[in-house]
Amino acid sequence: MTRLLTILAFCTLLGFLGILVFEVMRVDLAIVAGATLLLVGIDSLRAGKS
């Protein structure tokens, strides 16, 4: 159940940031969004192992 909620939250964040990046079309915003997704992904993977 926890893994399902984690995937749902990640997909929701991915959708929100995707819409934001493609509507605003700024390189710096895309870099920050990419870094955010990378950090969330790493944190999710590390939290799932413990």
PDB file of N, CA and C in Angstrom:
ATOM      1  N   MET A   1       0.826  -1.198   0.000  1.00  0.00           N
ATOM      2  CA  MET A   1       0.000   0.000   0.000  1.00  0.00           C
ATOM      3  C   MET A   1       0.872   1.263   0.000  1.00  0.00           C
ATOM      4  N   THR A   2       1.956   1.228   0.760  1.00  0.00           N
ATOM      5  CA  THR A   2       2.837   2.389   0.828  1.00  0.00           C
ATOM      6  C   THR A   2       3.492   2.646  -0.524  1.00  0.00           C
ATOM      7  N   ARG A   3       3.906   1.578  -1.198  1.00  0.00           N
ATOM      8  CA  ARG A   3       4.544   1.737  -2.506  1.00  0.00           C
ATOM      9  C   ARG A   3       3.561   2.337  -3.514  1.00  0.00           C
ATOM     10  N   LEU A   4       2.305   1.927  -3.446  1.00  0.00           N
ATOM     11  CA  LEU A   4       1.282   2.460  -4.354  1.00  0.00           C
ATOM     12  C   LEU A   4       1.081   3.958  -4.130  1.00  0.00           C
ATOM     13  N   LEU A   5       1.021   4.374  -2.888  1.00  0.00           N
ATOM     14  CA  LEU A   5       0.865   5.797  -2.578  1.00  0.00           C
ATOM     15  C   LEU A   5       2.102   6.597  -2.993  1.00  0.00           C
ATOM     16  N   THR A   6       3.270   5.994  -2.853  1.00  0.00           N
ATOM     17  CA  THR A   6       4.502   6.656  -3.276  1.00  0.00           C
ATOM     18  C   THR A   6       4.500   6.880  -4.785  1.00  0.00           C
ATOM     19  N   ILE A   7       4.100   5.863  -5.531  1.00  0.00           N
ATOM     20  CA  ILE A   7       4.040   5.979  -6.990  1.00  0.00           C
ATOM     21  C   ILE A   7       2.991   7.014  -7.396  1.00  0.00           C
ATOM     22  N   LEU A   8       1.854   7.003  -6.735  1.00  0.00           N
ATOM     23  CA  LEU A   8       0.801   7.973  -7.031  1.00  0.00           C
ATOM     24  C   LEU A   8       1.277   9.405  -6.762  1.00  0.00           C
ATOM     25  N   ALA A   9       1.955   9.611  -5.652  1.00  0.00           N
ATOM     26  CA  ALA A   9       2.461  10.947  -5.317  1.00  0.00           C
ATOM     27  C   ALA A   9       3.526  11.394  -6.320  1.00  0.00           C
ATOM     28  N   PHE A  10       4.402  10.475  -6.717  1.00  0.00           N
ATOM     29  CA  PHE A  10       5.439  10.814  -7.690  1.00  0.00           C
ATOM     30  C   PHE A  10       4.818  11.171  -9.035  1.00  0.00           C
ATOM     31  N   CYS A  11       3.822  10.421  -9.467  1.00  0.00           N
ATOM     32  CA  CYS A  11       3.148  10.712 -10.745  1.00  0.00           C
ATOM     33  C   CYS A  11       2.406  12.041 -10.692  1.00  0.00           C
ATOM     34  N   THR A  12       1.809  12.355  -9.559  1.00  0.00           N
ATOM     35  CA  THR A  12       1.123  13.639  -9.394  1.00  0.00           C
ATOM     36  C   THR A  12       2.116  14.792  -9.482  1.00  0.00           C
ATOM     37  N   LEU A  13       3.247  14.651  -8.802  1.00  0.00           N
ATOM     38  CA  LEU A  13       4.282  15.688  -8.858  1.00  0.00           C
ATOM     39  C   LEU A  13       4.847  15.806 -10.265  1.00  0.00           C
ATOM     40  N   LEU A  14       5.051  14.674 -10.929  1.00  0.00           N
ATOM     41  CA  LEU A  14       5.553  14.678 -12.300  1.00  0.00           C
ATOM     42  C   LEU A  14       4.580  15.405 -13.234  1.00  0.00           C
ATOM     43  N   GLY A  15       3.303  15.137 -13.086  1.00  0.00           N
ATOM     44  CA  GLY A  15       2.302  15.811 -13.904  1.00  0.00           C
ATOM     45  C   GLY A  15       2.258  17.308 -13.661  1.00  0.00           C
ATOM     46  N   PHE A  16       2.297  17.702 -12.406  1.00  0.00           N
ATOM     47  CA  PHE A  16       2.262  19.122 -12.070  1.00  0.00           C
ATOM     48  C   PHE A  16       3.482  19.846 -12.622  1.00  0.00           C
ATOM     49  N   LEU A  17       4.663  19.275 -12.396  1.00  0.00           N
ATOM     50  CA  LEU A  17       5.878  19.925 -12.878  1.00  0.00           C
ATOM     51  C   LEU A  17       5.955  19.908 -14.402  1.00  0.00           C
ATOM     52  N   GLY A  18       5.448  18.838 -15.024  1.00  0.00           N
ATOM     53  CA  GLY A  18       5.431  18.779 -16.481  1.00  0.00           C
ATOM     54  C   GLY A  18       4.569  19.872 -17.082  1.00  0.00           C
ATOM     55  N   ILE A  19       3.388  20.055 -16.534  1.00  0.00           N
ATOM     56  CA  ILE A  19       2.503  21.124 -17.014  1.00  0.00           C
ATOM     57  C   ILE A  19       3.150  22.487 -16.790  1.00  0.00           C
ATOM     58  N   LEU A  20       3.741  22.678 -15.627  1.00  0.00           N
ATOM     59  CA  LEU A  20       4.383  23.948 -15.309  1.00  0.00           C
ATOM     60  C   LEU A  20       5.518  24.252 -16.280  1.00  0.00           C
ATOM     61  N   VAL A  21       6.379  23.273 -16.523  1.00  0.00           N
ATOM     62  CA  VAL A  21       7.536  23.487 -17.394  1.00  0.00           C
ATOM     63  C   VAL A  21       7.101  23.739 -18.836  1.00  0.00           C
ATOM     64  N   PHE A  22       6.142  22.957 -19.334  1.00  0.00           N
ATOM     65  CA  PHE A  22       5.750  23.099 -20.731  1.00  0.00           C
ATOM     66  C   PHE A  22       4.869  24.323 -20.988  1.00  0.00           C
ATOM     67  N   GLU A  23       4.237  24.858 -19.963  1.00  0.00           N
ATOM     68  CA  GLU A  23       3.452  26.076 -20.139  1.00  0.00           C
ATOM     69  C   GLU A  23       4.321  27.325 -20.024  1.00  0.00           C
ATOM     70  N   VAL A  24       5.290  27.313 -19.124  1.00  0.00           N
ATOM     71  CA  VAL A  24       6.120  28.494 -18.906  1.00  0.00           C
ATOM     72  C   VAL A  24       7.289  28.526 -19.892  1.00  0.00           C
ATOM     73  N   MET A  25       7.850  27.367 -20.223  1.00  0.00           N
ATOM     74  CA  MET A  25       8.946  27.235 -21.191  1.00  0.00           C
ATOM     75  C   MET A  25      10.170  28.077 -20.826  1.00  0.00           C
ATOM     76  N   ARG A  26      10.675  27.862 -19.612  1.00  0.00           N
ATOM     77  CA  ARG A  26      11.907  28.522 -19.187  1.00  0.00           C
ATOM     78  C   ARG A  26      12.931  27.455 -18.854  1.00  0.00           C
ATOM     79  N   VAL A  27      14.160  27.661 -19.287  1.00  0.00           N
ATOM     80  CA  VAL A  27      15.211  26.674 -19.083  1.00  0.00           C
ATOM     81  C   VAL A  27      15.530  26.520 -17.597  1.00  0.00           C
ATOM     82  N   ASP A  28      15.615  27.619 -16.880  1.00  0.00           N
ATOM     83  CA  ASP A  28      15.947  27.535 -15.466  1.00  0.00           C
ATOM     84  C   ASP A  28      14.865  26.808 -14.669  1.00  0.00           C
ATOM     85  N   LEU A  29      13.631  26.997 -15.034  1.00  0.00           N
ATOM     86  CA  LEU A  29      12.534  26.293 -14.373  1.00  0.00           C
ATOM     87  C   LEU A  29      12.603  24.793 -14.665  1.00  0.00           C
ATOM     88  N   ALA A  30      12.956  24.440 -15.890  1.00  0.00           N
ATOM     89  CA  ALA A  30      13.092  23.032 -16.258  1.00  0.00           C
ATOM     90  C   ALA A  30      14.230  22.371 -15.480  1.00  0.00           C
ATOM     91  N   ILE A  31      15.310  23.089 -15.262  1.00  0.00           N
ATOM     92  CA  ILE A  31      16.442  22.548 -14.494  1.00  0.00           C
ATOM     93  C   ILE A  31      16.035  22.312 -13.047  1.00  0.00           C
ATOM     94  N   VAL A  32      15.336  23.271 -12.457  1.00  0.00           N
ATOM     95  CA  VAL A  32      14.882  23.119 -11.073  1.00  0.00           C
ATOM     96  C   VAL A  32      13.880  21.979 -10.952  1.00  0.00           C
ATOM     97  N   ALA A  33      12.969  21.862 -11.916  1.00  0.00           N
ATOM     98  CA  ALA A  33      11.985  20.780 -11.895  1.00  0.00           C
ATOM     99  C   ALA A  33      12.673  19.430 -12.041  1.00  0.00           C
ATOM    100  N   GLY A  34      13.655  19.342 -12.915  1.00  0.00           N
ATOM    101  CA  GLY A  34      14.411  18.098 -13.075  1.00  0.00           C
ATOM    102  C   GLY A  34      15.165  17.713 -11.811  1.00  0.00           C
ATOM    103  N   ALA A  35      15.776  18.695 -11.185  1.00  0.00           N
ATOM    104  CA  ALA A  35      16.484  18.433  -9.930  1.00  0.00           C
ATOM    105  C   ALA A  35      15.518  17.992  -8.835  1.00  0.00           C
ATOM    106  N   THR A  36      14.350  18.598  -8.805  1.00  0.00           N
ATOM    107  CA  THR A  36      13.329  18.211  -7.826  1.00  0.00           C
ATOM    108  C   THR A  36      12.899  16.768  -8.021  1.00  0.00           C
ATOM    109  N   LEU A  37      12.631  16.393  -9.275  1.00  0.00           N
ATOM    110  CA  LEU A  37      12.228  15.017  -9.558  1.00  0.00           C
ATOM    111  C   LEU A  37      13.344  14.029  -9.224  1.00  0.00           C
ATOM    112  N   LEU A  38      14.572  14.413  -9.499  1.00  0.00           N
ATOM    113  CA  LEU A  38      15.712  13.549  -9.169  1.00  0.00           C
ATOM    114  C   LEU A  38      15.811  13.331  -7.659  1.00  0.00           C
ATOM    115  N   LEU A  39      15.700  14.399  -6.886  1.00  0.00           N
ATOM    116  CA  LEU A  39      15.797  14.281  -5.429  1.00  0.00           C
ATOM    117  C   LEU A  39      14.630  13.483  -4.845  1.00  0.00           C
ATOM    118  N   VAL A  40      13.434  13.696  -5.366  1.00  0.00           N
ATOM    119  CA  VAL A  40      12.274  12.940  -4.886  1.00  0.00           C
ATOM    120  C   VAL A  40      12.423  11.465  -5.229  1.00  0.00           C
ATOM    121  N   GLY A  41      12.909  11.175  -6.432  1.00  0.00           N
ATOM    122  CA  GLY A  41      13.125   9.787  -6.819  1.00  0.00           C
ATOM    123  C   GLY A  41      14.150   9.089  -5.951  1.00  0.00           C
ATOM    124  N   ILE A  42      15.259   9.764  -5.691  1.00  0.00           N
ATOM    125  CA  ILE A  42      16.298   9.188  -4.832  1.00  0.00           C
ATOM    126  C   ILE A  42      15.762   8.962  -3.427  1.00  0.00           C
ATOM    127  N   ASP A  43      15.051   9.944  -2.895  1.00  0.00           N
ATOM    128  CA  ASP A  43      14.498   9.823  -1.552  1.00  0.00           C
ATOM    129  C   ASP A  43      13.479   8.686  -1.473  1.00  0.00           C
ATOM    130  N   SER A  44      12.669   8.543  -2.493  1.00  0.00           N
ATOM    131  CA  SER A  44      11.672   7.465  -2.512  1.00  0.00           C
ATOM    132  C   SER A  44      12.335   6.092  -2.549  1.00  0.00           C
ATOM    133  N   LEU A  45      13.375   5.979  -3.347  1.00  0.00           N
ATOM    134  CA  LEU A  45      14.081   4.700  -3.423  1.00  0.00           C
ATOM    135  C   LEU A  45      14.781   4.359  -2.103  1.00  0.00           C
ATOM    136  N   ARG A  46      15.406   5.346  -1.497  1.00  0.00           N
ATOM    137  CA  ARG A  46      16.111   5.100  -0.229  1.00  0.00           C
ATOM    138  C   ARG A  46      15.131   4.802   0.902  1.00  0.00           C
ATOM    139  N   ALA A  47      13.985   5.471   0.923  1.00  0.00           N
ATOM    140  CA  ALA A  47      12.995   5.231   1.969  1.00  0.00           C
ATOM    141  C   ALA A  47      12.338   3.866   1.792  1.00  0.00           C
ATOM    142  N   GLY A  48      12.214   3.400   0.563  1.00  0.00           N
ATOM    143  CA  GLY A  48      11.588   2.104   0.305  1.00  0.00           C
ATOM    144  C   GLY A  48      12.459   0.935   0.725  1.00  0.00           C
ATOM    145  N   LYS A  49      13.772   1.138   0.805  1.00  0.00           N
ATOM    146  CA  LYS A  49      14.677   0.060   1.186  1.00  0.00           C
ATOM    147  C   LYS A  49      14.711  -0.168   2.687  1.00  0.00           C
ATOM    148  N   SER A  50      14.356   0.846   3.471  1.00  0.00           N
ATOM    149  CA  SER A  50      14.429   0.683   4.923  1.00  0.00           C
ATOM    150  C   SER A  50      13.139   0.153   5.520  1.00  0.00           C
TER     151      SER A  50
END
